C-alpha atoms as a PDB file:
ATOM      1  CA  UNK A   1     128.639  48.551 -81.005  1.00  0.00           C
ATOM      2  CA  UNK A   2     131.174  45.759 -81.082  1.00  0.00           C
ATOM      3  CA  UNK A   3     132.539  44.368 -84.332  1.00  0.00           C
ATOM      4  CA  UNK A   4     135.157  41.792 -85.184  1.00  0.00           C
ATOM      5  CA  UNK A   5     136.875  40.789 -88.397  1.00  0.00           C
ATOM      6  CA  UNK A   6     136.752  37.252 -89.717  1.00  0.00           C
ATOM      7  CA  UNK A   7     138.837  36.694 -92.836  1.00  0.00           C
ATOM      8  CA  UNK A   8     137.917  39.209 -95.509  1.00  0.00           C
ATOM      9  CA  UNK A   9     134.441  39.741 -94.130  1.00  0.00           C
ATOM     10  CA  UNK A  10     133.409  41.862 -91.221  1.00  0.00           C
ATOM     11  CA  UNK A  11     131.140  39.903 -88.895  1.00  0.00           C
ATOM     12  CA  UNK A  12     129.016  41.962 -86.581  1.00  0.00           C
ATOM     13  CA  UNK A  13     128.774  40.726 -83.013  1.00  0.00           C
ATOM     14  CA  UNK A  14     125.302  40.783 -81.480  1.00  0.00           C
ATOM     15  CA  UNK A  15     125.487  42.452 -78.072  1.00  0.00           C
ATOM     16  CA  UNK A  16     123.314  42.874 -75.021  1.00  0.00           C
ATOM     17  CA  UNK A  17     123.483  46.192 -73.178  1.00  0.00           C
ATOM     18  CA  UNK A  18     121.692  48.041 -70.407  1.00  0.00           C
ATOM     19  CA  UNK A  19     120.895  51.718 -70.202  1.00  0.00           C
ATOM     20  CA  UNK A  20     119.002  53.696 -67.559  1.00  0.00           C
ATOM     21  CA  UNK A  21     115.706  55.487 -68.089  1.00  0.00           C
ATOM     22  CA  UNK A  22     114.205  58.438 -66.249  1.00  0.00           C
ATOM     23  CA  UNK A  23     110.727  59.906 -66.414  1.00  0.00           C
ATOM     24  CA  UNK A  24     110.077  62.224 -63.501  1.00  0.00           C
ATOM     25  CA  UNK A  25     112.733  64.610 -62.227  1.00  0.00           C
ATOM     26  CA  UNK A  26     113.081  63.000 -58.814  1.00  0.00           C
ATOM     27  CA  UNK A  27     116.395  64.601 -57.881  1.00  0.00           C
ATOM     28  CA  UNK A  28     116.723  67.165 -55.101  1.00  0.00           C
ATOM     29  CA  UNK A  29     118.247  69.725 -57.457  1.00  0.00           C
ATOM     30  CA  UNK A  30     120.249  70.087 -60.671  1.00  0.00           C
ATOM     31  CA  UNK A  31     123.487  69.247 -58.868  1.00  0.00           C
ATOM     32  CA  UNK A  32     121.998  65.916 -57.830  1.00  0.00           C
ATOM     33  CA  UNK A  33     121.011  65.200 -61.423  1.00  0.00           C
ATOM     34  CA  UNK A  34     124.559  65.807 -62.642  1.00  0.00           C
ATOM     35  CA  UNK A  35     126.018  63.649 -59.854  1.00  0.00           C
ATOM     36  CA  UNK A  36     123.760  60.863 -61.118  1.00  0.00           C
ATOM     37  CA  UNK A  37     124.776  61.474 -64.749  1.00  0.00           C
ATOM     38  CA  UNK A  38     128.457  61.339 -63.747  1.00  0.00           C
ATOM     39  CA  UNK A  39     127.846  58.000 -62.019  1.00  0.00           C
ATOM     40  CA  UNK A  40     126.192  56.606 -65.172  1.00  0.00           C
ATOM     41  CA  UNK A  41     128.892  57.991 -67.461  1.00  0.00           C
ATOM     42  CA  UNK A  42     131.764  56.602 -65.406  1.00  0.00           C
ATOM     43  CA  UNK A  43     130.053  53.389 -64.313  1.00  0.00           C
ATOM     44  CA  UNK A  44     129.669  51.643 -67.662  1.00  0.00           C
ATOM     45  CA  UNK A  45     125.960  52.343 -68.185  1.00  0.00           C
ATOM     46  CA  UNK A  46     125.327  52.029 -71.917  1.00  0.00           C
ATOM     47  CA  UNK A  47     122.896  54.931 -72.310  1.00  0.00           C
ATOM     48  CA  UNK A  48     120.519  57.376 -70.602  1.00  0.00           C
ATOM     49  CA  UNK A  49     116.920  57.638 -71.848  1.00  0.00           C
ATOM     50  CA  UNK A  50     114.635  60.580 -71.020  1.00  0.00           C
ATOM     51  CA  UNK A  51     110.869  60.253 -71.313  1.00  0.00           C
ATOM     52  CA  UNK A  52     108.986  62.904 -73.286  1.00  0.00           C
ATOM     53  CA  UNK A  53     106.413  64.907 -71.364  1.00  0.00           C
ATOM     54  CA  UNK A  54     105.561  68.607 -71.558  1.00  0.00           C
ATOM     55  CA  UNK A  55     102.461  69.206 -69.444  1.00  0.00           C
ATOM     56  CA  UNK A  56     102.286  67.780 -65.930  1.00  0.00           C
ATOM     57  CA  UNK A  57     103.097  68.472 -62.307  1.00  0.00           C
ATOM     58  CA  UNK A  58     105.229  65.360 -61.786  1.00  0.00           C
ATOM     59  CA  UNK A  59     108.535  66.984 -62.635  1.00  0.00           C
ATOM     60  CA  UNK A  60     109.362  65.667 -66.087  1.00  0.00           C
ATOM     61  CA  UNK A  61     112.106  67.368 -68.107  1.00  0.00           C
ATOM     62  CA  UNK A  62     111.790  68.281 -71.796  1.00  0.00           C
ATOM     63  CA  UNK A  63     113.604  65.504 -73.605  1.00  0.00           C
ATOM     64  CA  UNK A  64     115.348  67.403 -76.430  1.00  0.00           C
ATOM     65  CA  UNK A  65     116.739  69.896 -73.933  1.00  0.00           C
ATOM     66  CA  UNK A  66     118.077  66.981 -71.874  1.00  0.00           C
ATOM     67  CA  UNK A  67     119.719  65.507 -74.987  1.00  0.00           C
ATOM     68  CA  UNK A  68     121.522  68.791 -75.637  1.00  0.00           C
ATOM     69  CA  UNK A  69     122.612  69.057 -72.010  1.00  0.00           C
ATOM     70  CA  UNK A  70     123.935  65.485 -71.985  1.00  0.00           C
ATOM     71  CA  UNK A  71     125.894  66.165 -75.180  1.00  0.00           C
ATOM     72  CA  UNK A  72     127.980  68.712 -73.295  1.00  0.00           C
ATOM     73  CA  UNK A  73     127.833  67.175 -69.827  1.00  0.00           C
ATOM     74  CA  UNK A  74     129.087  63.662 -70.620  1.00  0.00           C
ATOM     75  CA  UNK A  75     132.042  62.126 -72.427  1.00  0.00           C
ATOM     76  CA  UNK A  76     131.284  58.457 -73.088  1.00  0.00           C
ATOM     77  CA  UNK A  77     127.669  57.541 -72.543  1.00  0.00           C
ATOM     78  CA  UNK A  78     125.014  57.538 -75.267  1.00  0.00           C
ATOM     79  CA  UNK A  79     121.582  59.066 -74.750  1.00  0.00           C
ATOM     80  CA  UNK A  80     118.149  58.948 -76.308  1.00  0.00           C
ATOM     81  CA  UNK A  81     114.493  59.966 -76.044  1.00  0.00           C
ATOM     82  CA  UNK A  82     112.113  57.330 -74.725  1.00  0.00           C
ATOM     83  CA  UNK A  83     110.271  58.275 -76.870  1.00  0.00           C
ATOM     84  CA  UNK A  84     109.721  61.749 -78.366  1.00  0.00           C
ATOM     85  CA  UNK A  85     106.282  62.323 -79.854  1.00  0.00           C
ATOM     86  CA  UNK A  86     106.642  63.011 -83.557  1.00  0.00           C
ATOM     87  CA  UNK A  87     102.916  63.633 -83.826  1.00  0.00           C
ATOM     88  CA  UNK A  88     103.580  66.715 -81.717  1.00  0.00           C
ATOM     89  CA  UNK A  89     106.905  67.972 -83.099  1.00  0.00           C
ATOM     90  CA  UNK A  90     107.853  69.635 -86.365  1.00  0.00           C
ATOM     91  CA  UNK A  91     110.045  67.138 -88.251  1.00  0.00           C
ATOM     92  CA  UNK A  92     112.338  69.710 -89.896  1.00  0.00           C
ATOM     93  CA  UNK A  93     113.166  71.424 -86.611  1.00  0.00           C
ATOM     94  CA  UNK A  94     113.501  68.029 -84.926  1.00  0.00           C
ATOM     95  CA  UNK A  95     115.844  66.795 -87.668  1.00  0.00           C
ATOM     96  CA  UNK A  96     118.042  69.865 -87.208  1.00  0.00           C
ATOM     97  CA  UNK A  97     118.058  69.503 -83.424  1.00  0.00           C
ATOM     98  CA  UNK A  98     119.066  65.846 -83.650  1.00  0.00           C
ATOM     99  CA  UNK A  99     121.803  66.546 -86.177  1.00  0.00           C
ATOM    100  CA  UNK A 100     123.192  69.367 -84.035  1.00  0.00           C
ATOM    101  CA  UNK A 101     123.201  67.256 -80.874  1.00  0.00           C
ATOM    102  CA  UNK A 102     124.823  64.338 -82.684  1.00  0.00           C
ATOM    103  CA  UNK A 103     127.576  66.612 -84.022  1.00  0.00           C
ATOM    104  CA  UNK A 104     128.297  68.225 -80.660  1.00  0.00           C
ATOM    105  CA  UNK A 105     128.300  64.865 -78.844  1.00  0.00           C
ATOM    106  CA  UNK A 106     130.563  63.322 -81.507  1.00  0.00           C
ATOM    107  CA  UNK A 107     127.965  60.746 -82.474  1.00  0.00           C
ATOM    108  CA  UNK A 108     126.273  59.632 -79.254  1.00  0.00           C
ATOM    109  CA  UNK A 109     122.605  60.508 -79.854  1.00  0.00           C
ATOM    110  CA  UNK A 110     119.981  57.749 -80.116  1.00  0.00           C
ATOM    111  CA  UNK A 111     116.856  59.387 -81.578  1.00  0.00           C
ATOM    112  CA  UNK A 112     113.650  57.530 -80.739  1.00  0.00           C
ATOM    113  CA  UNK A 113     110.133  58.522 -81.727  1.00  0.00           C
ATOM    114  CA  UNK A 114     106.564  57.467 -81.108  1.00  0.00           C
ATOM    115  CA  UNK A 115     103.163  58.844 -81.964  1.00  0.00           C
ATOM    116  CA  UNK A 116     102.177  59.940 -78.485  1.00  0.00           C
ATOM    117  CA  UNK A 117      98.920  59.252 -76.701  1.00  0.00           C
ATOM    118  CA  UNK A 118      95.718  60.916 -77.923  1.00  0.00           C
ATOM    119  CA  UNK A 119      94.876  61.432 -74.227  1.00  0.00           C
ATOM    120  CA  UNK A 120      98.033  63.458 -73.605  1.00  0.00           C
ATOM    121  CA  UNK A 121      97.421  67.000 -72.393  1.00  0.00           C
ATOM    122  CA  UNK A 122     100.477  68.032 -74.434  1.00  0.00           C
ATOM    123  CA  UNK A 123      98.355  68.150 -77.578  1.00  0.00           C
ATOM    124  CA  UNK A 124      95.662  70.416 -76.128  1.00  0.00           C
ATOM    125  CA  UNK A 125      98.153  72.666 -74.368  1.00  0.00           C
ATOM    126  CA  UNK A 126     100.191  73.254 -77.526  1.00  0.00           C
ATOM    127  CA  UNK A 127      97.175  73.617 -79.806  1.00  0.00           C
ATOM    128  CA  UNK A 128      98.123  70.504 -81.777  1.00  0.00           C
ATOM    129  CA  UNK A 129      95.231  68.401 -83.116  1.00  0.00           C
ATOM    130  CA  UNK A 130      95.284  64.721 -82.267  1.00  0.00           C
ATOM    131  CA  UNK A 131      93.479  63.976 -85.509  1.00  0.00           C
ATOM    132  CA  UNK A 132      95.988  63.159 -88.245  1.00  0.00           C
ATOM    133  CA  UNK A 133      98.881  62.635 -85.856  1.00  0.00           C
ATOM    134  CA  UNK A 134      99.613  59.246 -87.415  1.00  0.00           C
ATOM    135  CA  UNK A 135      99.937  60.774 -90.861  1.00  0.00           C
ATOM    136  CA  UNK A 136     102.137  63.537 -89.441  1.00  0.00           C
ATOM    137  CA  UNK A 137     104.397  60.926 -87.913  1.00  0.00           C
ATOM    138  CA  UNK A 138     104.595  58.874 -91.125  1.00  0.00           C
ATOM    139  CA  UNK A 139     105.578  61.918 -93.150  1.00  0.00           C
ATOM    140  CA  UNK A 140     107.860  63.109 -90.365  1.00  0.00           C
ATOM    141  CA  UNK A 141     109.847  59.873 -90.310  1.00  0.00           C
ATOM    142  CA  UNK A 142     110.387  60.073 -94.050  1.00  0.00           C
ATOM    143  CA  UNK A 143     111.531  63.690 -93.738  1.00  0.00           C
ATOM    144  CA  UNK A 144     113.907  62.917 -90.860  1.00  0.00           C
ATOM    145  CA  UNK A 145     115.637  60.080 -92.677  1.00  0.00           C
ATOM    146  CA  UNK A 146     115.979  62.205 -95.793  1.00  0.00           C
ATOM    147  CA  UNK A 147     117.369  65.308 -94.119  1.00  0.00           C
ATOM    148  CA  UNK A 148     119.866  63.337 -92.041  1.00  0.00           C
ATOM    149  CA  UNK A 149     121.633  62.210 -95.204  1.00  0.00           C
ATOM    150  CA  UNK A 150     122.733  65.796 -95.814  1.00  0.00           C
ATOM    151  CA  UNK A 151     121.298  65.707 -99.328  1.00  0.00           C
ATOM    152  CA  UNK A 152     118.586  68.078-100.613  1.00  0.00           C
ATOM    153  CA  UNK A 153     115.073  66.848 -99.845  1.00  0.00           C
ATOM    154  CA  UNK A 154     111.935  67.687-101.785  1.00  0.00           C
ATOM    155  CA  UNK A 155     108.734  66.372-100.276  1.00  0.00           C
ATOM    156  CA  UNK A 156     105.043  66.947-100.838  1.00  0.00           C
ATOM    157  CA  UNK A 157     102.639  65.315 -98.444  1.00  0.00           C
ATOM    158  CA  UNK A 158      99.324  66.155 -96.888  1.00  0.00           C
ATOM    159  CA  UNK A 159     100.999  67.612 -93.782  1.00  0.00           C
ATOM    160  CA  UNK A 160     104.436  68.853 -94.864  1.00  0.00           C
ATOM    161  CA  UNK A 161     106.084  70.239 -97.990  1.00  0.00           C
ATOM    162  CA  UNK A 162     109.780  70.736 -98.652  1.00  0.00           C
ATOM    163  CA  UNK A 163     111.548  72.142-101.696  1.00  0.00           C
ATOM    164  CA  UNK A 164     115.229  71.212-101.938  1.00  0.00           C
ATOM    165  CA  UNK A 165     115.574  71.484 -98.154  1.00  0.00           C
ATOM    166  CA  UNK A 166     118.943  70.574 -96.697  1.00  0.00           C
ATOM    167  CA  UNK A 167     120.557  70.637 -93.262  1.00  0.00           C
ATOM    168  CA  UNK A 168     124.254  70.984 -92.526  1.00  0.00           C
ATOM    169  CA  UNK A 169     126.288  69.840 -90.741  1.00  0.00           C
ATOM    170  CA  UNK A 170     124.738  66.439 -91.081  1.00  0.00           C
ATOM    171  CA  UNK A 171     124.890  63.963 -88.169  1.00  0.00           C
ATOM    172  CA  UNK A 172     128.190  62.309 -87.304  1.00  0.00           C
ATOM    173  CA  UNK A 173     126.574  58.863 -87.302  1.00  0.00           C
ATOM    174  CA  UNK A 174     125.901  57.663 -90.820  1.00  0.00           C
ATOM    175  CA  UNK A 175     123.148  56.695 -90.822  1.00  0.00           C
ATOM    176  CA  UNK A 176     121.846  58.320 -87.675  1.00  0.00           C
ATOM    177  CA  UNK A 177     119.929  55.639 -85.730  1.00  0.00           C
ATOM    178  CA  UNK A 178     116.145  55.887 -85.781  1.00  0.00           C
ATOM    179  CA  UNK A 179     114.387  53.981 -83.026  1.00  0.00           C
ATOM    180  CA  UNK A 180     110.613  53.722 -83.223  1.00  0.00           C
ATOM    181  CA  UNK A 181     108.366  53.068 -80.244  1.00  0.00           C
ATOM    182  CA  UNK A 182     104.948  51.494 -79.954  1.00  0.00           C
ATOM    183  CA  UNK A 183     103.226  48.136 -80.285  1.00  0.00           C
ATOM    184  CA  UNK A 184     100.214  48.908 -82.481  1.00  0.00           C
ATOM    185  CA  UNK A 185     100.105  47.614 -86.078  1.00  0.00           C
ATOM    186  CA  UNK A 186     100.903  51.134 -87.327  1.00  0.00           C
ATOM    187  CA  UNK A 187     104.008  51.242 -85.110  1.00  0.00           C
ATOM    188  CA  UNK A 188     105.113  47.881 -86.465  1.00  0.00           C
ATOM    189  CA  UNK A 189     104.764  49.199 -90.017  1.00  0.00           C
ATOM    190  CA  UNK A 190     106.680  52.395 -89.212  1.00  0.00           C
ATOM    191  CA  UNK A 191     109.482  50.471 -87.539  1.00  0.00           C
ATOM    192  CA  UNK A 192     109.806  48.054 -90.446  1.00  0.00           C
ATOM    193  CA  UNK A 193     109.698  50.839 -93.035  1.00  0.00           C
ATOM    194  CA  UNK A 194     111.949  53.481 -91.485  1.00  0.00           C
ATOM    195  CA  UNK A 195     113.405  52.267 -88.211  1.00  0.00           C
ATOM    196  CA  UNK A 196     116.867  51.024 -87.370  1.00  0.00           C
ATOM    197  CA  UNK A 197     115.561  49.811 -84.010  1.00  0.00           C
ATOM    198  CA  UNK A 198     112.398  49.256 -81.969  1.00  0.00           C
ATOM    199  CA  UNK A 199     111.750  50.331 -78.396  1.00  0.00           C
ATOM    200  CA  UNK A 200     108.892  48.834 -76.372  1.00  0.00           C
ATOM    201  CA  UNK A 201     106.737  50.989 -74.146  1.00  0.00           C
ATOM    202  CA  UNK A 202     105.228  49.658 -70.936  1.00  0.00           C
ATOM    203  CA  UNK A 203     105.157  46.078 -72.174  1.00  0.00           C
ATOM    204  CA  UNK A 204     105.873  42.708 -70.618  1.00  0.00           C
ATOM    205  CA  UNK A 205     108.135  40.181 -72.297  1.00  0.00           C
ATOM    206  CA  UNK A 206     105.012  38.240 -73.305  1.00  0.00           C
ATOM    207  CA  UNK A 207     103.654  41.343 -75.056  1.00  0.00           C
ATOM    208  CA  UNK A 208     106.958  42.310 -76.688  1.00  0.00           C
ATOM    209  CA  UNK A 209     107.615  38.931 -78.326  1.00  0.00           C
ATOM    210  CA  UNK A 210     104.860  39.025 -81.006  1.00  0.00           C
ATOM    211  CA  UNK A 211     105.673  42.647 -81.863  1.00  0.00           C
ATOM    212  CA  UNK A 212     109.313  41.772 -82.506  1.00  0.00           C
ATOM    213  CA  UNK A 213     108.264  38.803 -84.634  1.00  0.00           C
ATOM    214  CA  UNK A 214     105.877  40.980 -86.647  1.00  0.00           C
ATOM    215  CA  UNK A 215     108.527  43.659 -87.247  1.00  0.00           C
ATOM    216  CA  UNK A 216     111.009  41.072 -88.466  1.00  0.00           C
ATOM    217  CA  UNK A 217     108.434  39.560 -90.830  1.00  0.00           C
ATOM    218  CA  UNK A 218     107.481  42.952 -92.241  1.00  0.00           C
ATOM    219  CA  UNK A 219     111.094  44.082 -92.739  1.00  0.00           C
ATOM    220  CA  UNK A 220     111.696  40.948 -94.796  1.00  0.00           C
ATOM    221  CA  UNK A 221     108.681  41.795 -96.953  1.00  0.00           C
ATOM    222  CA  UNK A 222     110.084  45.298 -97.484  1.00  0.00           C
ATOM    223  CA  UNK A 223     113.542  43.848 -98.200  1.00  0.00           C
ATOM    224  CA  UNK A 224     114.984  45.744 -95.267  1.00  0.00           C
ATOM    225  CA  UNK A 225     116.696  44.522 -92.125  1.00  0.00           C
ATOM    226  CA  UNK A 226     117.077  45.652 -88.537  1.00  0.00           C
ATOM    227  CA  UNK A 227     120.056  44.459 -86.531  1.00  0.00           C
ATOM    228  CA  UNK A 228     119.171  41.561 -84.262  1.00  0.00           C
ATOM    229  CA  UNK A 229     120.277  43.490 -81.190  1.00  0.00           C
ATOM    230  CA  UNK A 230     118.301  46.635 -82.010  1.00  0.00           C
ATOM    231  CA  UNK A 231     115.143  45.501 -80.283  1.00  0.00           C
ATOM    232  CA  UNK A 232     114.743  47.172 -76.907  1.00  0.00           C
ATOM    233  CA  UNK A 233     112.486  47.112 -73.876  1.00  0.00           C
ATOM    234  CA  UNK A 234     112.540  48.430 -70.354  1.00  0.00           C
ATOM    235  CA  UNK A 235     111.236  47.848 -66.874  1.00  0.00           C
ATOM    236  CA  UNK A 236     111.378  49.390 -63.437  1.00  0.00           C
ATOM    237  CA  UNK A 237     113.698  47.966 -60.804  1.00  0.00           C
ATOM    238  CA  UNK A 238     114.415  48.425 -57.125  1.00  0.00           C
ATOM    239  CA  UNK A 239     116.932  46.806 -54.853  1.00  0.00           C
ATOM    240  CA  UNK A 240     114.693  46.426 -51.838  1.00  0.00           C
ATOM    241  CA  UNK A 241     111.441  44.952 -50.602  1.00  0.00           C
ATOM    242  CA  UNK A 242     108.022  44.721 -52.320  1.00  0.00           C
ATOM    243  CA  UNK A 243     106.352  46.189 -49.231  1.00  0.00           C
ATOM    244  CA  UNK A 244     108.296  49.478 -49.342  1.00  0.00           C
ATOM    245  CA  UNK A 245     105.915  52.453 -49.739  1.00  0.00           C
ATOM    246  CA  UNK A 246     107.677  53.592 -52.922  1.00  0.00           C
ATOM    247  CA  UNK A 247     107.151  50.168 -54.482  1.00  0.00           C
ATOM    248  CA  UNK A 248     103.492  50.155 -53.432  1.00  0.00           C
ATOM    249  CA  UNK A 249     102.969  53.518 -55.104  1.00  0.00           C
ATOM    250  CA  UNK A 250     104.725  52.311 -58.259  1.00  0.00           C
ATOM    251  CA  UNK A 251     102.583  49.178 -58.376  1.00  0.00           C
ATOM    252  CA  UNK A 252      99.437  51.249 -57.941  1.00  0.00           C
ATOM    253  CA  UNK A 253     100.529  53.511 -60.808  1.00  0.00           C
ATOM    254  CA  UNK A 254     101.077  50.538 -63.119  1.00  0.00           C
ATOM    255  CA  UNK A 255      97.785  48.942 -62.102  1.00  0.00           C
ATOM    256  CA  UNK A 256      95.931  52.137 -62.915  1.00  0.00           C
ATOM    257  CA  UNK A 257      97.812  52.561 -66.197  1.00  0.00           C
ATOM    258  CA  UNK A 258      97.341  48.960 -67.330  1.00  0.00           C
ATOM    259  CA  UNK A 259      93.943  48.242 -65.812  1.00  0.00           C
ATOM    260  CA  UNK A 260      95.200  44.968 -64.334  1.00  0.00           C
ATOM    261  CA  UNK A 261      97.796  43.529 -61.994  1.00  0.00           C
ATOM    262  CA  UNK A 262     101.256  44.520 -63.310  1.00  0.00           C
ATOM    263  CA  UNK A 263     102.900  41.105 -63.354  1.00  0.00           C
ATOM    264  CA  UNK A 264     106.171  41.071 -65.321  1.00  0.00           C
ATOM    265  CA  UNK A 265     106.653  44.843 -65.503  1.00  0.00           C
ATOM    266  CA  UNK A 266     109.122  45.440 -62.665  1.00  0.00           C
ATOM    267  CA  UNK A 267     111.885  43.661 -60.762  1.00  0.00           C
ATOM    268  CA  UNK A 268     111.922  44.130 -57.000  1.00  0.00           C
ATOM    269  CA  UNK A 269     114.474  42.468 -54.736  1.00  0.00           C
ATOM    270  CA  UNK A 270     118.089  41.993 -55.794  1.00  0.00           C
ATOM    271  CA  UNK A 271     120.339  41.024 -58.668  1.00  0.00           C
ATOM    272  CA  UNK A 272     118.603  37.683 -59.165  1.00  0.00           C
ATOM    273  CA  UNK A 273     115.202  39.313 -59.632  1.00  0.00           C
ATOM    274  CA  UNK A 274     116.519  41.918 -62.070  1.00  0.00           C
ATOM    275  CA  UNK A 275     118.367  39.334 -64.148  1.00  0.00           C
ATOM    276  CA  UNK A 276     115.398  36.954 -64.119  1.00  0.00           C
ATOM    277  CA  UNK A 277     113.128  39.568 -65.683  1.00  0.00           C
ATOM    278  CA  UNK A 278     115.872  40.686 -68.058  1.00  0.00           C
ATOM    279  CA  UNK A 279     116.253  37.105 -69.240  1.00  0.00           C
ATOM    280  CA  UNK A 280     112.512  36.827 -69.845  1.00  0.00           C
ATOM    281  CA  UNK A 281     112.850  39.739 -72.261  1.00  0.00           C
ATOM    282  CA  UNK A 282     115.924  38.154 -73.830  1.00  0.00           C
ATOM    283  CA  UNK A 283     113.882  35.075 -74.630  1.00  0.00           C
ATOM    284  CA  UNK A 284     111.360  37.373 -76.330  1.00  0.00           C
ATOM    285  CA  UNK A 285     114.091  38.755 -78.603  1.00  0.00           C
ATOM    286  CA  UNK A 286     115.132  41.871 -76.674  1.00  0.00           C
ATOM    287  CA  UNK A 287     118.818  42.830 -76.538  1.00  0.00           C
ATOM    288  CA  UNK A 288     118.771  46.476 -75.474  1.00  0.00           C
ATOM    289  CA  UNK A 289     117.419  47.335 -72.044  1.00  0.00           C
ATOM    290  CA  UNK A 290     116.270  50.588 -70.476  1.00  0.00           C
ATOM    291  CA  UNK A 291     116.141  49.963 -66.733  1.00  0.00           C
ATOM    292  CA  UNK A 292     114.240  52.535 -64.691  1.00  0.00           C
ATOM    293  CA  UNK A 293     115.201  53.043 -61.025  1.00  0.00           C
ATOM    294  CA  UNK A 294     112.210  53.111 -58.692  1.00  0.00           C
ATOM    295  CA  UNK A 295     113.632  55.781 -56.419  1.00  0.00           C
ATOM    296  CA  UNK A 296     112.921  59.171 -54.881  1.00  0.00           C
ATOM    297  CA  UNK A 297     115.469  61.888 -54.225  1.00  0.00           C
ATOM    298  CA  UNK A 298     119.095  62.224 -55.206  1.00  0.00           C
ATOM    299  CA  UNK A 299     120.554  59.870 -52.602  1.00  0.00           C
ATOM    300  CA  UNK A 300     118.063  57.115 -53.405  1.00  0.00           C
ATOM    301  CA  UNK A 301     118.624  57.460 -57.164  1.00  0.00           C
ATOM    302  CA  UNK A 302     122.375  57.305 -56.646  1.00  0.00           C
ATOM    303  CA  UNK A 303     122.102  54.275 -54.379  1.00  0.00           C
ATOM    304  CA  UNK A 304     119.817  52.359 -56.735  1.00  0.00           C
ATOM    305  CA  UNK A 305     121.900  53.195 -59.798  1.00  0.00           C
ATOM    306  CA  UNK A 306     125.156  52.343 -58.024  1.00  0.00           C
ATOM    307  CA  UNK A 307     123.800  48.888 -57.194  1.00  0.00           C
ATOM    308  CA  UNK A 308     122.781  48.477 -60.820  1.00  0.00           C
ATOM    309  CA  UNK A 309     126.306  49.403 -61.912  1.00  0.00           C
ATOM    310  CA  UNK A 310     128.038  47.159 -59.386  1.00  0.00           C
ATOM    311  CA  UNK A 311     125.721  44.147 -59.357  1.00  0.00           C
ATOM    312  CA  UNK A 312     123.774  43.965 -62.614  1.00  0.00           C
ATOM    313  CA  UNK A 313     126.034  45.422 -65.312  1.00  0.00           C
ATOM    314  CA  UNK A 314     128.740  42.761 -64.774  1.00  0.00           C
ATOM    315  CA  UNK A 315     126.048  40.090 -65.205  1.00  0.00           C
ATOM    316  CA  UNK A 316     124.865  41.754 -68.423  1.00  0.00           C
ATOM    317  CA  UNK A 317     128.431  42.008 -69.723  1.00  0.00           C
ATOM    318  CA  UNK A 318     128.946  38.292 -69.044  1.00  0.00           C
ATOM    319  CA  UNK A 319     126.059  37.500 -71.385  1.00  0.00           C
ATOM    320  CA  UNK A 320     128.198  38.787 -74.282  1.00  0.00           C
ATOM    321  CA  UNK A 321     130.919  36.159 -73.762  1.00  0.00           C
END
């Protein structure tokens, strides 16, 4: 994050940045994935975000494993989960994993958590009850933030108990960022209470705006603050035509997921279309973007991401001047 000094005070500069998100493993093989990562790392992409999915035949990778791999396979780029389900994961183990990855990456991890859908097959397959997952997440967030300080943590809740628990080495980043995902009232409360940032799910700019406003209002009530540029959202993009089969399939997926026409959820066309949708989110209060290539296969992913790097990232950088 950029900072500048003004007199005796340090004034923090609000920045706009764009990362790239991936859900399905659409690459031809592991070599193709690492070619794509190298392009992102060298091309000025701010961050890589991996969706969290365990059960499914659509080729998703396990997000914490990807974080560990990126820690060793990159040199500059940051990376995060978009978002990991804390209703499904043990918070002590997760805290240790995050701390380890942050240490080995020299401070480039962006942990992000959500509750996870009650309809997810991940719960059934892992024998994890959906009932009480909100309480598990609430207690888990408190445990994460405590353990990441490196100090002993004692905790007694309805789901977890700790007695002078401590992890070491603690994360390089102090404090380690904690992004929270979701738009429900409970997600707003969790973000305001524990988060250092908020990440939208599949939301339009119109839907993101009131959530951001509610988080800001609640943080003021709790006498906390979240940096102005730590509100994030994402959308799919493709440099191409709306009538391409891959775009048609993507639109059908969103329609089925949302139950309505997916207006304002993807940018199809060129730089102008991507920047137009990005600016809609900016007006809603979003500063951090996770842009998801609508692509299939290694060559297509490389081509779409290369156009993002060459055509969109300079436009995003210009917004900071």
